[in-house]
N, C-alpha and C. Protein backbone atom coordinates (compact mmCIF):
# COMPACT_ATOMS: atom_id res chain seq x y z
N MET A 1 123.01 117.99 57.75
CA MET A 1 122.83 118.86 56.59
C MET A 1 121.26 119.30 56.69
N ILE A 2 120.14 118.49 56.95
CA ILE A 2 118.71 119.05 57.27
C ILE A 2 118.70 119.95 58.36
N LEU A 3 119.25 119.59 59.54
CA LEU A 3 119.38 120.43 60.59
C LEU A 3 119.91 121.79 60.39
N ARG A 4 121.20 121.94 59.71
CA ARG A 4 121.63 123.22 59.32
C ARG A 4 120.73 124.03 58.45
N CYS A 5 119.94 123.22 57.65
CA CYS A 5 119.09 124.13 56.62
C CYS A 5 117.98 124.53 57.40
N PHE A 6 117.48 123.87 58.55
CA PHE A 6 116.49 124.14 59.39
C PHE A 6 116.90 125.38 60.11
N LEU A 7 117.94 125.51 60.73
CA LEU A 7 118.43 126.41 61.65
C LEU A 7 118.47 127.66 60.73
N MET A 8 119.17 127.58 59.64
CA MET A 8 119.40 128.74 58.72
C MET A 8 118.09 129.30 58.56
N ARG A 9 116.64 128.74 58.47
CA ARG A 9 115.73 129.34 58.12
C ARG A 9 114.92 129.94 59.39
N ILE A 10 115.23 129.30 60.67
CA ILE A 10 114.85 129.92 61.80
C ILE A 10 115.48 131.21 62.09
N ASN A 11 116.92 131.52 61.97
CA ASN A 11 117.55 132.66 62.02
C ASN A 11 117.43 133.59 61.21
N LYS A 12 116.98 133.31 60.09
CA LYS A 12 116.70 134.47 58.87
C LYS A 12 115.19 135.02 59.11
N PRO A 13 115.22 136.50 59.23
CA PRO A 13 113.97 137.00 59.42
C PRO A 13 113.14 137.01 57.99
N SER A 14 111.77 136.80 58.12
CA SER A 14 111.12 136.70 56.79
C SER A 14 110.95 138.20 56.07
N ALA A 15 110.52 138.12 54.92
CA ALA A 15 110.38 139.23 54.19
C ALA A 15 109.40 140.28 54.56
N ASN A 16 108.42 139.70 55.45
CA ASN A 16 107.39 140.45 56.05
C ASN A 16 108.01 141.20 57.45
N THR A 17 108.78 140.48 58.14
CA THR A 17 109.54 141.36 59.30
C THR A 17 110.28 142.55 58.67
N TYR A 18 110.90 142.33 57.61
CA TYR A 18 111.77 143.46 57.00
C TYR A 18 110.91 144.61 56.76
N LEU A 19 109.60 144.25 56.07
CA LEU A 19 108.71 145.04 55.81
C LEU A 19 107.94 145.91 57.01
N LEU A 20 107.73 145.16 57.80
CA LEU A 20 107.25 145.66 59.21
C LEU A 20 108.27 146.63 59.69
N LEU A 21 109.70 146.20 59.86
CA LEU A 21 110.54 147.21 60.35
C LEU A 21 110.45 148.56 59.50
N ALA A 22 110.20 148.57 58.31
CA ALA A 22 110.32 149.52 57.34
C ALA A 22 109.05 150.50 57.64
N LEU A 23 107.99 149.93 58.07
CA LEU A 23 106.70 150.66 58.45
C LEU A 23 106.90 151.22 59.96
N LEU A 24 107.70 150.48 60.60
CA LEU A 24 108.00 151.05 61.90
C LEU A 24 108.74 152.25 61.72
N ILE A 25 109.83 152.21 60.91
CA ILE A 25 110.68 153.65 60.69
C ILE A 25 109.83 154.78 60.08
N MET A 26 108.83 154.41 59.21
CA MET A 26 107.91 155.38 58.57
C MET A 26 107.02 155.92 59.87
N ILE A 27 106.61 155.05 60.58
CA ILE A 27 105.77 155.74 61.66
C ILE A 27 106.82 156.66 62.68
N ILE A 28 107.89 156.22 62.92
CA ILE A 28 108.93 156.95 63.75
C ILE A 28 109.05 158.33 63.28
N LEU A 29 109.39 158.36 61.83
CA LEU A 29 109.64 159.55 60.92
C LEU A 29 108.28 160.42 61.08
N PHE A 30 107.20 159.83 60.91
CA PHE A 30 106.02 160.58 60.71
C PHE A 30 105.61 161.23 62.15
N VAL A 31 106.03 160.70 63.24
CA VAL A 31 105.66 161.18 64.68
C VAL A 31 106.86 162.38 64.70
N SER A 32 108.28 162.13 64.47
CA SER A 32 109.12 163.07 64.72
C SER A 32 108.86 164.33 63.65
N SER A 33 108.20 164.11 62.71
CA SER A 33 107.92 165.14 61.86
C SER A 33 106.81 165.97 62.11
N SER A 34 105.98 165.41 63.15
CA SER A 34 105.07 166.21 63.77
C SER A 34 105.41 167.06 64.99
N MET A 35 106.66 166.91 65.39
CA MET A 35 107.07 167.65 66.43
C MET A 35 107.81 169.01 66.04
N THR A 36 107.71 170.26 66.77
CA THR A 36 108.46 171.33 66.37
C THR A 36 109.95 171.29 66.80
N TYR A 37 110.63 172.04 66.22
CA TYR A 37 112.02 171.97 66.45
C TYR A 37 112.41 171.99 67.82
N GLN A 38 111.65 172.95 68.65
CA GLN A 38 111.86 173.13 70.07
C GLN A 38 111.58 171.66 70.84
N GLN A 39 110.77 171.05 70.35
CA GLN A 39 110.33 169.71 70.98
C GLN A 39 111.56 168.66 70.73
N GLN A 40 112.34 168.85 69.59
CA GLN A 40 113.33 167.80 69.23
C GLN A 40 114.50 168.29 69.46
N THR A 41 115.00 169.63 69.81
CA THR A 41 116.25 169.99 70.03
C THR A 41 117.05 169.32 70.95
N SER A 42 118.43 169.05 70.65
CA SER A 42 119.26 168.39 71.34
C SER A 42 120.19 169.28 72.27
N VAL A 43 120.24 170.55 71.76
CA VAL A 43 120.87 171.56 72.44
C VAL A 43 120.98 171.66 73.96
N PRO A 44 119.82 171.63 74.58
CA PRO A 44 119.96 171.59 76.16
C PRO A 44 120.64 170.36 76.36
N PHE A 45 120.66 169.26 76.10
CA PHE A 45 121.30 168.08 76.44
C PHE A 45 122.80 168.37 76.15
N LEU A 46 123.26 168.97 74.98
CA LEU A 46 124.48 169.17 74.79
C LEU A 46 125.25 170.20 75.58
N GLU A 47 124.29 171.13 75.87
CA GLU A 47 125.05 172.30 76.82
C GLU A 47 125.12 171.67 78.16
N LYS A 48 124.37 170.79 78.69
CA LYS A 48 124.41 170.43 79.99
C LYS A 48 125.33 169.18 80.19
N TYR A 49 125.76 168.46 79.16
CA TYR A 49 126.73 167.34 79.29
C TYR A 49 128.08 167.34 78.51
N PHE A 50 128.06 168.60 77.60
CA PHE A 50 129.33 168.86 76.90
C PHE A 50 129.64 170.41 77.10
N ALA A 51 129.47 170.91 78.21
CA ALA A 51 129.60 172.39 78.52
C ALA A 51 131.18 172.63 78.27
N ASN A 52 132.06 171.71 78.22
CA ASN A 52 133.31 172.09 77.89
C ASN A 52 133.76 172.13 76.58
N LYS A 53 132.70 171.89 75.62
CA LYS A 53 132.82 171.98 74.20
C LYS A 53 133.97 171.23 73.85
N PRO A 54 134.11 169.95 73.75
CA PRO A 54 135.19 169.39 73.14
C PRO A 54 135.16 169.50 71.77
N PHE A 55 136.44 169.47 71.27
CA PHE A 55 136.89 169.58 69.89
C PHE A 55 136.49 170.95 69.45
N ASP A 56 136.31 171.93 70.35
CA ASP A 56 135.90 173.38 69.64
C ASP A 56 136.89 173.96 68.80
N GLN A 57 138.01 173.81 69.14
CA GLN A 57 139.11 174.47 68.15
C GLN A 57 139.07 173.97 66.79
N PHE A 58 139.04 172.41 66.90
CA PHE A 58 139.04 171.87 65.62
C PHE A 58 137.98 172.09 64.89
N LEU A 59 136.83 172.11 65.57
CA LEU A 59 135.55 172.30 64.62
C LEU A 59 135.33 173.74 64.10
N SER A 60 136.03 174.67 65.01
CA SER A 60 135.80 176.13 64.63
C SER A 60 136.55 176.44 63.27
N ARG A 61 137.30 175.41 62.58
CA ARG A 61 137.92 175.72 61.50
C ARG A 61 137.03 175.40 60.18
N PHE A 62 135.84 174.70 60.41
CA PHE A 62 135.02 174.35 59.54
C PHE A 62 133.72 175.32 59.10
N SER A 63 133.43 175.49 57.97
CA SER A 63 132.51 176.61 57.64
C SER A 63 131.87 176.12 56.19
N PHE A 64 130.60 175.84 56.14
CA PHE A 64 130.24 175.46 54.77
C PHE A 64 128.85 175.99 54.37
N LYS A 65 128.06 175.96 53.24
CA LYS A 65 126.80 176.21 53.12
C LYS A 65 126.06 174.91 52.92
N TYR A 66 124.59 175.07 53.43
CA TYR A 66 123.77 174.09 53.45
C TYR A 66 122.44 174.75 53.34
N ALA A 67 121.70 174.52 52.34
CA ALA A 67 120.43 175.25 52.12
C ALA A 67 120.56 176.63 52.00
N ASN A 68 121.73 177.25 51.52
CA ASN A 68 121.98 178.61 51.47
C ASN A 68 122.02 179.31 52.78
N GLU A 69 122.56 178.67 53.68
CA GLU A 69 122.75 179.10 54.99
C GLU A 69 124.23 178.79 55.39
N ILE A 70 124.99 179.72 56.09
CA ILE A 70 126.42 179.28 56.42
C ILE A 70 126.20 178.41 57.63
N ILE A 71 126.91 177.40 57.74
CA ILE A 71 127.03 176.54 58.97
C ILE A 71 128.29 176.68 59.31
N SER A 72 128.44 177.35 60.60
CA SER A 72 129.99 177.23 61.18
C SER A 72 129.52 177.78 62.71
N ILE A 73 130.63 177.23 63.50
CA ILE A 73 130.45 177.67 64.83
C ILE A 73 130.19 179.14 64.97
N ASN A 74 131.05 179.86 64.36
CA ASN A 74 131.04 181.52 64.35
C ASN A 74 129.65 182.05 64.01
N LYS A 75 128.96 181.30 63.22
CA LYS A 75 127.70 181.76 62.71
C LYS A 75 126.37 181.29 63.41
N ILE A 76 126.59 180.02 63.93
CA ILE A 76 125.31 179.40 64.58
C ILE A 76 125.72 178.97 66.29
N GLY A 77 126.96 179.07 66.35
CA GLY A 77 127.28 178.61 67.94
C GLY A 77 127.86 177.13 67.89
N TYR A 78 128.52 176.80 68.85
CA TYR A 78 129.01 175.29 69.07
C TYR A 78 128.00 174.37 69.15
N PHE A 79 126.85 174.54 69.95
CA PHE A 79 126.05 173.50 70.22
C PHE A 79 125.10 173.14 68.99
N LYS A 80 124.68 174.26 68.37
CA LYS A 80 123.86 174.32 67.28
C LYS A 80 124.59 173.62 66.07
N PHE A 81 125.87 173.83 66.06
CA PHE A 81 126.82 173.39 65.07
C PHE A 81 126.91 171.84 65.20
N VAL A 82 127.17 171.11 66.46
CA VAL A 82 127.27 169.94 66.82
C VAL A 82 125.92 169.11 66.54
N GLU A 83 124.80 170.04 66.94
CA GLU A 83 123.59 169.38 66.66
C GLU A 83 123.16 169.10 65.08
N PHE A 84 123.59 170.39 64.41
CA PHE A 84 123.53 169.90 62.76
C PHE A 84 124.02 168.63 62.32
N PHE A 85 125.23 168.26 62.90
CA PHE A 85 125.58 167.00 62.22
C PHE A 85 124.83 165.77 63.03
N ILE A 86 124.37 165.93 64.23
CA ILE A 86 123.72 164.96 64.80
C ILE A 86 122.24 164.71 63.91
N ARG A 87 121.67 165.57 63.64
CA ARG A 87 120.42 165.68 62.93
C ARG A 87 120.69 165.29 61.59
N LYS A 88 121.73 165.70 60.79
CA LYS A 88 121.96 165.31 59.44
C LYS A 88 122.31 163.78 59.36
N GLY A 89 123.28 163.40 60.46
CA GLY A 89 123.65 162.00 60.49
C GLY A 89 122.37 161.13 60.73
N ALA A 90 121.42 161.51 61.71
CA ALA A 90 120.19 160.79 61.92
C ALA A 90 119.38 160.57 60.55
N HIS A 91 119.16 161.80 59.62
CA HIS A 91 118.47 161.75 58.44
C HIS A 91 119.16 160.71 57.58
N PHE A 92 120.29 160.67 57.37
CA PHE A 92 120.99 159.54 56.67
C PHE A 92 120.75 158.00 57.13
N THR A 93 121.06 158.03 58.53
CA THR A 93 120.93 156.68 59.19
C THR A 93 119.65 155.93 58.89
N ILE A 94 118.74 156.88 59.39
CA ILE A 94 117.24 156.43 59.37
C ILE A 94 116.65 156.14 57.95
N TYR A 95 117.22 156.76 57.15
CA TYR A 95 116.88 156.49 55.40
C TYR A 95 117.71 155.39 55.15
N MET A 96 118.68 155.23 55.60
CA MET A 96 119.50 154.08 55.33
C MET A 96 118.93 152.95 55.67
N GLY A 97 118.39 152.93 56.79
CA GLY A 97 117.39 151.70 57.32
C GLY A 97 116.30 151.49 56.88
N LEU A 98 115.74 152.62 56.48
CA LEU A 98 114.37 152.41 55.49
C LEU A 98 114.68 151.73 54.30
N GLY A 99 115.55 152.38 53.42
CA GLY A 99 115.70 151.89 52.32
C GLY A 99 116.51 150.22 52.35
N ALA A 100 117.29 149.82 53.27
CA ALA A 100 117.79 148.60 53.60
C ALA A 100 116.39 147.63 53.85
N PHE A 101 115.52 147.97 54.66
CA PHE A 101 114.40 147.25 54.86
C PHE A 101 113.47 147.17 54.09
N LEU A 102 113.36 148.05 53.15
CA LEU A 102 112.55 147.97 51.98
C LEU A 102 112.98 147.09 51.02
N ALA A 103 114.18 147.04 50.67
CA ALA A 103 114.81 146.13 49.78
C ALA A 103 114.94 144.98 50.26
N ALA A 104 115.25 144.49 51.46
CA ALA A 104 115.19 143.19 52.03
C ALA A 104 113.96 142.51 52.15
N GLY A 105 112.86 143.35 52.23
CA GLY A 105 111.48 142.94 52.18
C GLY A 105 110.89 142.70 51.00
N LEU A 106 111.53 143.57 49.86
CA LEU A 106 110.80 143.36 48.52
C LEU A 106 111.58 142.43 47.59
N LYS A 107 112.71 142.34 48.19
CA LYS A 107 113.74 141.50 47.05
C LYS A 107 113.15 139.97 46.92
N PRO A 108 112.77 139.13 47.95
CA PRO A 108 112.06 137.90 47.66
C PRO A 108 110.81 137.85 46.87
N ARG A 109 110.03 139.05 46.87
CA ARG A 109 108.83 139.25 46.25
C ARG A 109 108.96 139.44 44.84
N LEU A 110 109.80 140.53 44.66
CA LEU A 110 109.92 141.12 43.23
C LEU A 110 110.91 139.94 42.24
N LYS A 111 111.61 139.26 43.32
CA LYS A 111 112.67 138.24 42.26
C LYS A 111 113.56 139.13 41.36
N SER A 112 113.72 140.23 41.48
CA SER A 112 114.58 140.78 40.39
C SER A 112 115.43 141.83 40.98
N ILE A 113 116.68 142.09 40.99
CA ILE A 113 117.45 142.83 41.83
C ILE A 113 117.22 144.25 41.15
N PHE A 114 117.04 144.33 39.90
CA PHE A 114 116.83 145.84 39.34
C PHE A 114 115.51 146.23 39.73
N LEU A 115 114.53 145.55 39.68
CA LEU A 115 113.26 146.09 40.26
C LEU A 115 113.35 146.48 41.81
N THR A 116 114.20 145.64 42.57
CA THR A 116 114.20 145.82 43.91
C THR A 116 114.88 147.13 44.33
N ILE A 117 115.90 147.32 43.49
CA ILE A 117 116.60 148.77 43.58
C ILE A 117 115.71 149.70 43.37
N ILE A 118 115.24 149.80 42.12
CA ILE A 118 114.30 150.89 41.66
C ILE A 118 113.14 151.13 42.60
N ILE A 119 112.49 150.06 43.01
CA ILE A 119 111.10 150.26 43.87
C ILE A 119 111.56 150.68 45.23
N SER A 120 112.58 150.07 45.79
CA SER A 120 112.82 150.47 47.19
C SER A 120 113.20 151.82 47.49
N SER A 121 114.35 152.11 46.39
CA SER A 121 114.83 153.61 46.33
C SER A 121 113.75 154.57 46.15
N LEU A 122 112.93 154.40 45.10
CA LEU A 122 111.88 155.62 44.69
C LEU A 122 110.74 155.53 45.95
N SER A 123 110.40 154.68 46.68
CA SER A 123 109.87 154.35 47.68
C SER A 123 110.36 155.10 48.83
N ALA A 124 111.57 154.77 49.32
CA ALA A 124 112.09 155.74 50.34
C ALA A 124 112.53 156.95 50.13
N ILE A 125 112.61 157.47 48.96
CA ILE A 125 113.09 158.86 48.47
C ILE A 125 111.51 159.52 48.29
N GLY A 126 110.51 158.99 47.85
CA GLY A 126 109.17 159.33 47.94
C GLY A 126 108.73 159.70 49.29
N TYR A 127 108.96 158.85 50.27
CA TYR A 127 108.68 158.92 51.40
C TYR A 127 109.33 160.14 52.14
N ALA A 128 110.79 160.40 51.85
CA ALA A 128 111.64 161.62 52.17
C ALA A 128 110.77 162.75 51.83
N ALA A 129 110.36 162.85 50.55
CA ALA A 129 109.62 164.13 49.99
C ALA A 129 108.46 164.33 50.82
N LEU A 130 107.68 163.45 51.14
CA LEU A 130 106.38 163.44 51.88
C LEU A 130 106.70 163.94 53.12
N ASP A 131 107.82 163.29 53.91
CA ASP A 131 108.23 163.76 55.06
C ASP A 131 108.41 165.28 55.24
N GLU A 132 109.30 165.73 54.17
CA GLU A 132 109.52 167.11 54.31
C GLU A 132 108.38 168.19 54.08
N PHE A 133 107.38 167.46 53.37
CA PHE A 133 106.03 168.26 52.93
C PHE A 133 105.20 168.18 54.37
N HIS A 134 105.40 167.30 55.08
CA HIS A 134 104.54 167.15 56.39
C HIS A 134 105.20 168.11 57.45
N GLN A 135 106.49 168.19 57.40
CA GLN A 135 107.22 169.33 58.16
C GLN A 135 106.74 170.60 57.87
N MET A 136 106.49 170.67 56.57
CA MET A 136 106.03 172.26 56.08
C MET A 136 104.76 172.39 56.78
N LEU A 137 103.89 171.60 57.08
CA LEU A 137 102.51 171.54 57.55
C LEU A 137 102.75 171.79 59.10
N THR A 138 103.77 171.48 59.62
CA THR A 138 104.25 171.52 61.09
C THR A 138 104.78 172.96 61.62
N GLY A 139 104.20 173.54 62.51
CA GLY A 139 104.86 174.84 62.77
C GLY A 139 106.26 174.62 63.37
N GLY A 140 107.13 175.80 63.01
CA GLY A 140 108.38 175.75 63.60
C GLY A 140 109.23 174.70 63.05
N ARG A 141 109.13 174.27 61.65
CA ARG A 141 109.90 173.28 61.16
C ARG A 141 110.15 173.80 59.53
N THR A 142 111.26 173.74 59.32
CA THR A 142 111.77 174.20 57.82
C THR A 142 112.09 172.86 57.03
N PRO A 143 111.05 172.81 55.98
CA PRO A 143 111.35 171.68 54.99
C PRO A 143 112.28 172.10 54.05
N LEU A 144 113.35 171.10 53.78
CA LEU A 144 114.43 171.46 52.79
C LEU A 144 114.64 170.34 51.89
N PHE A 145 114.83 170.95 50.58
CA PHE A 145 115.09 169.90 49.59
C PHE A 145 116.23 169.24 49.88
N GLN A 146 117.32 169.82 50.21
CA GLN A 146 118.57 169.24 50.55
C GLN A 146 118.49 168.23 51.52
N ASP A 147 117.59 168.26 52.44
CA ASP A 147 117.26 166.92 53.22
C ASP A 147 116.56 165.72 52.50
N VAL A 148 115.74 166.02 51.63
CA VAL A 148 115.46 165.00 50.62
C VAL A 148 116.70 164.18 50.10
N VAL A 149 117.37 165.09 49.46
CA VAL A 149 118.53 164.49 48.71
C VAL A 149 119.52 163.69 49.72
N LEU A 150 119.72 164.29 50.93
CA LEU A 150 120.55 163.50 51.88
C LEU A 150 119.74 162.19 52.45
N ASP A 151 118.46 162.26 52.38
CA ASP A 151 117.66 161.07 52.85
C ASP A 151 117.68 160.09 51.82
N GLY A 152 117.79 160.63 50.44
CA GLY A 152 117.80 159.65 49.38
C GLY A 152 119.11 159.22 49.09
N VAL A 153 120.17 159.58 49.56
CA VAL A 153 121.62 159.15 49.45
C VAL A 153 121.55 157.99 50.52
N GLY A 154 120.98 158.56 51.63
CA GLY A 154 120.99 157.31 52.89
C GLY A 154 120.28 156.04 52.28
N ALA A 155 118.92 156.37 51.75
CA ALA A 155 118.19 155.14 51.24
C ALA A 155 118.86 154.28 50.21
N LEU A 156 119.65 155.16 49.24
CA LEU A 156 120.28 154.39 48.18
C LEU A 156 121.56 153.53 48.81
N PHE A 157 122.07 154.10 49.80
CA PHE A 157 123.28 153.34 50.35
C PHE A 157 122.71 152.10 51.14
N GLY A 158 121.48 152.36 51.93
CA GLY A 158 121.02 151.02 52.40
C GLY A 158 120.49 149.97 51.43
N VAL A 159 119.93 150.51 50.33
CA VAL A 159 119.38 149.41 49.30
C VAL A 159 120.88 148.64 48.76
N CYS A 160 121.59 149.54 48.30
CA CYS A 160 122.91 149.07 47.69
C CYS A 160 123.69 148.01 48.71
N CYS A 161 123.58 148.16 49.79
CA CYS A 161 124.16 147.22 50.79
C CYS A 161 123.27 145.87 50.95
N VAL A 162 122.15 146.20 50.83
CA VAL A 162 121.31 144.69 50.94
C VAL A 162 121.59 144.01 49.64
N VAL A 163 121.57 144.68 48.36
CA VAL A 163 122.01 144.09 47.39
C VAL A 163 123.17 143.46 47.11
N LEU A 164 124.11 144.12 47.56
CA LEU A 164 125.39 143.42 47.46
C LEU A 164 125.84 142.63 48.32
N PHE A 165 125.03 142.45 49.64
CA PHE A 165 125.32 141.27 50.46
C PHE A 165 124.47 140.27 50.05
N SER A 166 123.36 140.45 49.12
CA SER A 166 122.63 139.33 48.84
C SER A 166 123.43 138.56 47.74
N LEU A 167 124.17 139.57 46.65
CA LEU A 167 124.76 139.10 45.70
C LEU A 167 126.02 138.31 46.17
N LYS A 168 126.78 138.81 47.18
CA LYS A 168 127.78 138.07 47.78
C LYS A 168 127.51 136.73 48.45
N GLY A 169 126.22 136.79 49.01
CA GLY A 169 125.81 135.54 49.61
C GLY A 169 125.46 134.63 48.70
N LYS A 170 125.02 134.77 47.54
CA LYS A 170 124.58 133.95 46.21
C LYS A 170 125.96 133.30 45.76
N LYS A 171 126.99 134.12 45.55
CA LYS A 171 128.21 133.82 45.10
C LYS A 171 129.01 132.86 46.10
N GLY A 172 128.89 132.88 47.45
CA GLY A 172 129.44 131.89 48.28
C GLY A 172 128.83 130.74 48.45
N ARG A 173 127.72 130.51 47.79
CA ARG A 173 126.90 129.23 47.76
C ARG A 173 127.57 128.17 46.80
């Protein structure tokens, strides 16, 4: 029994570890926002390795508006269309990680699920807004309110996952 408790403590990262991981994500986002679109674009990679345009006919059926721009293969081309989903998926995923790490790092300190949700979510969404402001200062970038919303949804999802898993863990004890 004592050995089991000891091993559980060794395998569980500390709250500081989670907060350091959140800080690492914030640094990565800051560096990424400092780069121009030309420095970040994945279009040349996609053109080189997916020249046969997989799923072209399937994807050609889709068209929608994002930030008052039409997003479709006909309008922006196959590779930029695919890159759009890669970039927006990256927005959602990285902010999901930020929200989750903030929640996991703050939950033991705040000792309140409600405060953990509020502070973690607002911190991540605030950082998303600052990140878009930083992009405005960087040449060749377009800051979008829609990206802040997407980032916020990702962060909320990450926070909710941590909270739900922690509640499930308490129930299982």
